[in-house]
């Protein structure tokens, strides 16, 4: 009788240990899956953020380059305009001088 009780207790203990082991293994697997999923999601979000930041920086760089090019073109056009105006003023003064002086030289 005592032997049967001891065997039943041992069986119950073994079954309990097996159940505990299975529960622990399941929990560990769930934890690993959760960690893996979280890691993948984190990596994806980091990659998306990096790509987003790179696109924004490229757009900003393009805008800045366009603004700089426009400024340079505007500066060059302004310089050319100023040079043309100076040349026109010089030519006009020469023409005026010739027109004013020419009759005197004829006399």
C-alpha atoms as a PDB file:
ATOM      1  CA  UNK A   1       0.000   0.000   0.000  1.00  0.00           C
ATOM      2  CA  UNK A   2       2.775   2.424   1.001  1.00  0.00           C
ATOM      3  CA  UNK A   3       4.701   1.494  -2.166  1.00  0.00           C
ATOM      4  CA  UNK A   4       1.645   2.282  -4.344  1.00  0.00           C
ATOM      5  CA  UNK A   5       1.245   5.690  -2.612  1.00  0.00           C
ATOM      6  CA  UNK A   6       4.965   6.430  -3.066  1.00  0.00           C
ATOM      7  CA  UNK A   7       4.772   5.470  -6.773  1.00  0.00           C
ATOM      8  CA  UNK A   8       1.704   7.694  -7.244  1.00  0.00           C
ATOM      9  CA  UNK A   9       3.461  10.617  -5.489  1.00  0.00           C
ATOM     10  CA  UNK A  10       6.600  10.122  -7.622  1.00  0.00           C
ATOM     11  CA  UNK A  11       4.460   9.969 -10.789  1.00  0.00           C
ATOM     12  CA  UNK A  12       2.612  13.144  -9.777  1.00  0.00           C
ATOM     13  CA  UNK A  13       5.931  14.897  -9.067  1.00  0.00           C
ATOM     14  CA  UNK A  14       7.358  13.774 -12.430  1.00  0.00           C
ATOM     15  CA  UNK A  15       4.207  14.875 -14.268  1.00  0.00           C
ATOM     16  CA  UNK A  16       4.293  18.246 -12.440  1.00  0.00           C
ATOM     17  CA  UNK A  17       7.976  18.718 -13.333  1.00  0.00           C
ATOM     18  CA  UNK A  18       7.255  17.853 -16.994  1.00  0.00           C
ATOM     19  CA  UNK A  19       4.343  20.339 -17.044  1.00  0.00           C
ATOM     20  CA  UNK A  20       6.523  23.035 -15.434  1.00  0.00           C
ATOM     21  CA  UNK A  21       9.295  22.350 -17.968  1.00  0.00           C
ATOM     22  CA  UNK A  22       6.828  22.544 -20.868  1.00  0.00           C
ATOM     23  CA  UNK A  23       5.393  25.815 -19.489  1.00  0.00           C
ATOM     24  CA  UNK A  24       8.902  27.271 -19.068  1.00  0.00           C
ATOM     25  CA  UNK A  25       9.874  26.198 -22.609  1.00  0.00           C
ATOM     26  CA  UNK A  26       6.651  27.710 -24.030  1.00  0.00           C
ATOM     27  CA  UNK A  27       7.241  30.972 -22.119  1.00  0.00           C
ATOM     28  CA  UNK A  28      10.853  31.131 -23.341  1.00  0.00           C
ATOM     29  CA  UNK A  29       9.744  30.494 -26.943  1.00  0.00           C
ATOM     30  CA  UNK A  30       7.044  33.187 -26.653  1.00  0.00           C
ATOM     31  CA  UNK A  31       9.589  35.595 -25.150  1.00  0.00           C
ATOM     32  CA  UNK A  32      12.061  34.852 -27.960  1.00  0.00           C
ATOM     33  CA  UNK A  33       9.343  35.387 -30.593  1.00  0.00           C
ATOM     34  CA  UNK A  34       8.306  38.663 -28.933  1.00  0.00           C
ATOM     35  CA  UNK A  35      11.938  39.835 -28.740  1.00  0.00           C
ATOM     36  CA  UNK A  36      12.481  38.831 -32.368  1.00  0.00           C
ATOM     37  CA  UNK A  37       9.324  40.635 -33.527  1.00  0.00           C
ATOM     38  CA  UNK A  38      10.190  43.736 -31.475  1.00  0.00           C
ATOM     39  CA  UNK A  39      13.735  43.673 -32.842  1.00  0.00           C
ATOM     40  CA  UNK A  40      12.503  43.360 -36.433  1.00  0.00           C
ATOM     41  CA  UNK A  41       9.980  46.166 -35.888  1.00  0.00           C
ATOM     42  CA  UNK A  42      12.691  48.361 -34.299  1.00  0.00           C
ATOM     43  CA  UNK A  43      15.093  47.673 -37.182  1.00  0.00           C
ATOM     44  CA  UNK A  44      12.355  48.423 -39.728  1.00  0.00           C
ATOM     45  CA  UNK A  45      11.405  51.658 -37.983  1.00  0.00           C
ATOM     46  CA  UNK A  46      15.077  52.690 -37.723  1.00  0.00           C
ATOM     47  CA  UNK A  47      15.622  51.939 -41.434  1.00  0.00           C
ATOM     48  CA  UNK A  48      12.455  53.852 -42.367  1.00  0.00           C
ATOM     49  CA  UNK A  49      13.510  56.811 -40.199  1.00  0.00           C
ATOM     50  CA  UNK A  50      17.013  56.813 -41.736  1.00  0.00           C
ATOM     51  CA  UNK A  51      15.584  56.668 -45.271  1.00  0.00           C
ATOM     52  CA  UNK A  52      13.097  59.453 -44.403  1.00  0.00           C
ATOM     53  CA  UNK A  53      15.883  61.622 -42.964  1.00  0.00           C
ATOM     54  CA  UNK A  54      18.085  60.959 -46.007  1.00  0.00           C
ATOM     55  CA  UNK A  55      15.245  61.930 -48.379  1.00  0.00           C
ATOM     56  CA  UNK A  56      14.589  65.121 -46.370  1.00  0.00           C
ATOM     57  CA  UNK A  57      18.287  66.044 -46.357  1.00  0.00           C
ATOM     58  CA  UNK A  58      18.551  65.364 -50.112  1.00  0.00           C
ATOM     59  CA  UNK A  59      15.492  67.573 -50.754  1.00  0.00           C
ATOM     60  CA  UNK A  60      16.965  70.334 -48.552  1.00  0.00           C
ATOM     61  CA  UNK A  61      20.330  70.039 -50.333  1.00  0.00           C
ATOM     62  CA  UNK A  62      18.648  70.240 -53.759  1.00  0.00           C
ATOM     63  CA  UNK A  63      16.647  73.303 -52.673  1.00  0.00           C
ATOM     64  CA  UNK A  64      19.789  74.972 -51.288  1.00  0.00           C
ATOM     65  CA  UNK A  65      21.732  74.184 -54.469  1.00  0.00           C
ATOM     66  CA  UNK A  66      18.909  75.590 -56.613  1.00  0.00           C
ATOM     67  CA  UNK A  67      18.791  78.751 -54.472  1.00  0.00           C
ATOM     68  CA  UNK A  68      22.584  79.154 -54.696  1.00  0.00           C
ATOM     69  CA  UNK A  69      22.535  78.639 -58.470  1.00  0.00           C
ATOM     70  CA  UNK A  70      19.708  81.157 -58.828  1.00  0.00           C
ATOM     71  CA  UNK A  71      21.649  83.635 -56.665  1.00  0.00           C
ATOM     72  CA  UNK A  72      24.801  83.134 -58.757  1.00  0.00           C
ATOM     73  CA  UNK A  73      22.848  83.535 -61.997  1.00  0.00           C
ATOM     74  CA  UNK A  74      21.150  86.643 -60.598  1.00  0.00           C
ATOM     75  CA  UNK A  75      24.527  88.061 -59.504  1.00  0.00           C
ATOM     76  CA  UNK A  76      26.069  87.370 -62.929  1.00  0.00           C
ATOM     77  CA  UNK A  77      23.086  88.936 -64.682  1.00  0.00           C
ATOM     78  CA  UNK A  78      23.293  91.957 -62.371  1.00  0.00           C
ATOM     79  CA  UNK A  79      27.023  92.284 -63.068  1.00  0.00           C
ATOM     80  CA  UNK A  80      26.438  92.006 -66.838  1.00  0.00           C
ATOM     81  CA  UNK A  81      23.614  94.553 -66.567  1.00  0.00           C
ATOM     82  CA  UNK A  82      25.850  96.957 -64.618  1.00  0.00           C
ATOM     83  CA  UNK A  83      28.674  96.511 -67.127  1.00  0.00           C
ATOM     84  CA  UNK A  84      26.277  97.110 -70.030  1.00  0.00           C
ATOM     85  CA  UNK A  85      24.913 100.239 -68.333  1.00  0.00           C
ATOM     86  CA  UNK A  86      28.456 101.554 -67.702  1.00  0.00           C
ATOM     87  CA  UNK A  87      29.424 100.827 -71.311  1.00  0.00           C
ATOM     88  CA  UNK A  88      26.265 102.578 -72.529  1.00  0.00           C
ATOM     89  CA  UNK A  89      27.017 105.596 -70.318  1.00  0.00           C
ATOM     90  CA  UNK A  90      30.594 105.757 -71.610  1.00  0.00           C
ATOM     91  CA  UNK A  91      29.452 105.409 -75.229  1.00  0.00           C
ATOM     92  CA  UNK A  92      26.729 108.011 -74.726  1.00  0.00           C
ATOM     93  CA  UNK A  93      29.176 110.491 -73.173  1.00  0.00           C
ATOM     94  CA  UNK A  94      31.604 109.911 -76.056  1.00  0.00           C
ATOM     95  CA  UNK A  95      28.794 110.461 -78.572  1.00  0.00           C
ATOM     96  CA  UNK A  96      27.717 113.601 -76.718  1.00  0.00           C
ATOM     97  CA  UNK A  97      31.315 114.831 -76.613  1.00  0.00           C
ATOM     98  CA  UNK A  98      31.724 114.118 -80.345  1.00  0.00           C
ATOM     99  CA  UNK A  99      28.397 115.795 -81.143  1.00  0.00           C
ATOM    100  CA  UNK A 100      29.317 118.819 -78.993  1.00  0.00           C
ATOM    101  CA  UNK A 101      32.958 119.048 -80.075  1.00  0.00           C
ATOM    102  CA  UNK A 102      32.538 118.185 -83.761  1.00  0.00           C
ATOM    103  CA  UNK A 103      31.034 121.458 -84.922  1.00  0.00           C
ATOM    104  CA  UNK A 104      33.738 123.386 -83.011  1.00  0.00           C
ATOM    105  CA  UNK A 105      36.411 121.362 -84.699  1.00  0.00           C
ATOM    106  CA  UNK A 106      34.680 122.074 -88.028  1.00  0.00           C
ATOM    107  CA  UNK A 107      34.816 125.765 -87.321  1.00  0.00           C
END
